[in-house]
């Protein structure tokens, strides 16, 4: 819906720490930075207020690097 997203069972974005490594299938990833939605997210839902709500509920997600 909004881009390339990865959802892995057992990994909760609210609980991961920066620099943490995690195995996903055969890949090893590291948590590179915390994410927050951009204006396109608000545009998709017809209001920019959704951005604040999304972040306040801890659903910002993370950016990962493949090691």
Protein backbone atom coordinates (compact mmCIF):
# COMPACT_ATOMS: atom_id res chain seq x y z
CA UNK A 1 0.00 0.00 0.00
CA UNK A 2 2.67 2.53 0.94
CA UNK A 3 5.93 1.06 -0.29
CA UNK A 4 8.23 -1.82 0.48
CA UNK A 5 7.42 -3.08 3.94
CA UNK A 6 8.63 -6.11 5.81
CA UNK A 7 6.67 -7.60 8.65
CA UNK A 8 8.37 -10.42 10.52
CA UNK A 9 6.75 -12.40 13.29
CA UNK A 10 8.49 -12.00 16.60
CA UNK A 11 9.97 -8.59 15.75
CA UNK A 12 8.07 -5.64 17.20
CA UNK A 13 9.21 -2.21 16.01
CA UNK A 14 8.45 -0.76 19.45
CA UNK A 15 10.88 -3.16 21.10
CA UNK A 16 13.93 -3.15 18.82
CA UNK A 17 17.07 -1.23 19.65
CA UNK A 18 19.26 0.69 17.22
CA UNK A 19 22.18 -1.44 16.11
CA UNK A 20 20.43 -4.70 17.03
CA UNK A 21 20.93 -7.59 14.64
CA UNK A 22 18.13 -9.92 13.64
CA UNK A 23 17.96 -12.97 11.39
CA UNK A 24 15.18 -12.84 8.80
CA UNK A 25 15.19 -16.04 6.78
CA UNK A 26 18.75 -16.42 5.47
CA UNK A 27 19.50 -12.71 5.83
CA UNK A 28 21.03 -10.88 8.77
CA UNK A 29 19.71 -7.35 9.23
CA UNK A 30 20.62 -4.55 11.60
CA UNK A 31 18.29 -1.83 12.82
CA UNK A 32 19.73 1.30 11.21
CA UNK A 33 17.29 3.97 12.41
CA UNK A 34 13.78 4.52 13.62
CA UNK A 35 11.26 5.60 11.02
CA UNK A 36 8.30 7.88 10.89
CA UNK A 37 5.76 8.27 8.12
CA UNK A 38 6.11 11.03 5.52
CA UNK A 39 3.45 13.36 4.13
CA UNK A 40 2.43 10.69 1.57
CA UNK A 41 1.01 8.66 4.44
CA UNK A 42 -1.26 11.53 5.43
CA UNK A 43 -2.21 12.12 1.80
CA UNK A 44 -3.22 8.48 1.43
CA UNK A 45 -5.61 8.80 4.40
CA UNK A 46 -6.86 12.28 3.48
CA UNK A 47 -5.48 14.04 6.56
CA UNK A 48 -2.07 14.89 7.95
CA UNK A 49 -3.41 14.37 11.50
CA UNK A 50 -2.97 10.65 11.00
CA UNK A 51 0.83 11.13 11.09
CA UNK A 52 0.77 12.34 14.68
CA UNK A 53 -1.64 9.59 15.73
CA UNK A 54 0.50 6.96 14.05
CA UNK A 55 3.66 8.13 15.82
CA UNK A 56 1.96 8.55 19.21
CA UNK A 57 0.83 4.93 19.07
CA UNK A 58 4.40 3.75 18.40
CA UNK A 59 3.87 2.47 14.88
CA UNK A 60 6.72 4.39 13.26
CA UNK A 61 8.66 1.33 12.17
CA UNK A 62 12.36 1.06 11.49
CA UNK A 63 14.83 1.22 8.63
CA UNK A 64 17.13 -1.77 8.36
CA UNK A 65 20.39 -2.59 6.62
CA UNK A 66 21.20 -6.03 5.25
CA UNK A 67 24.56 -7.29 6.55
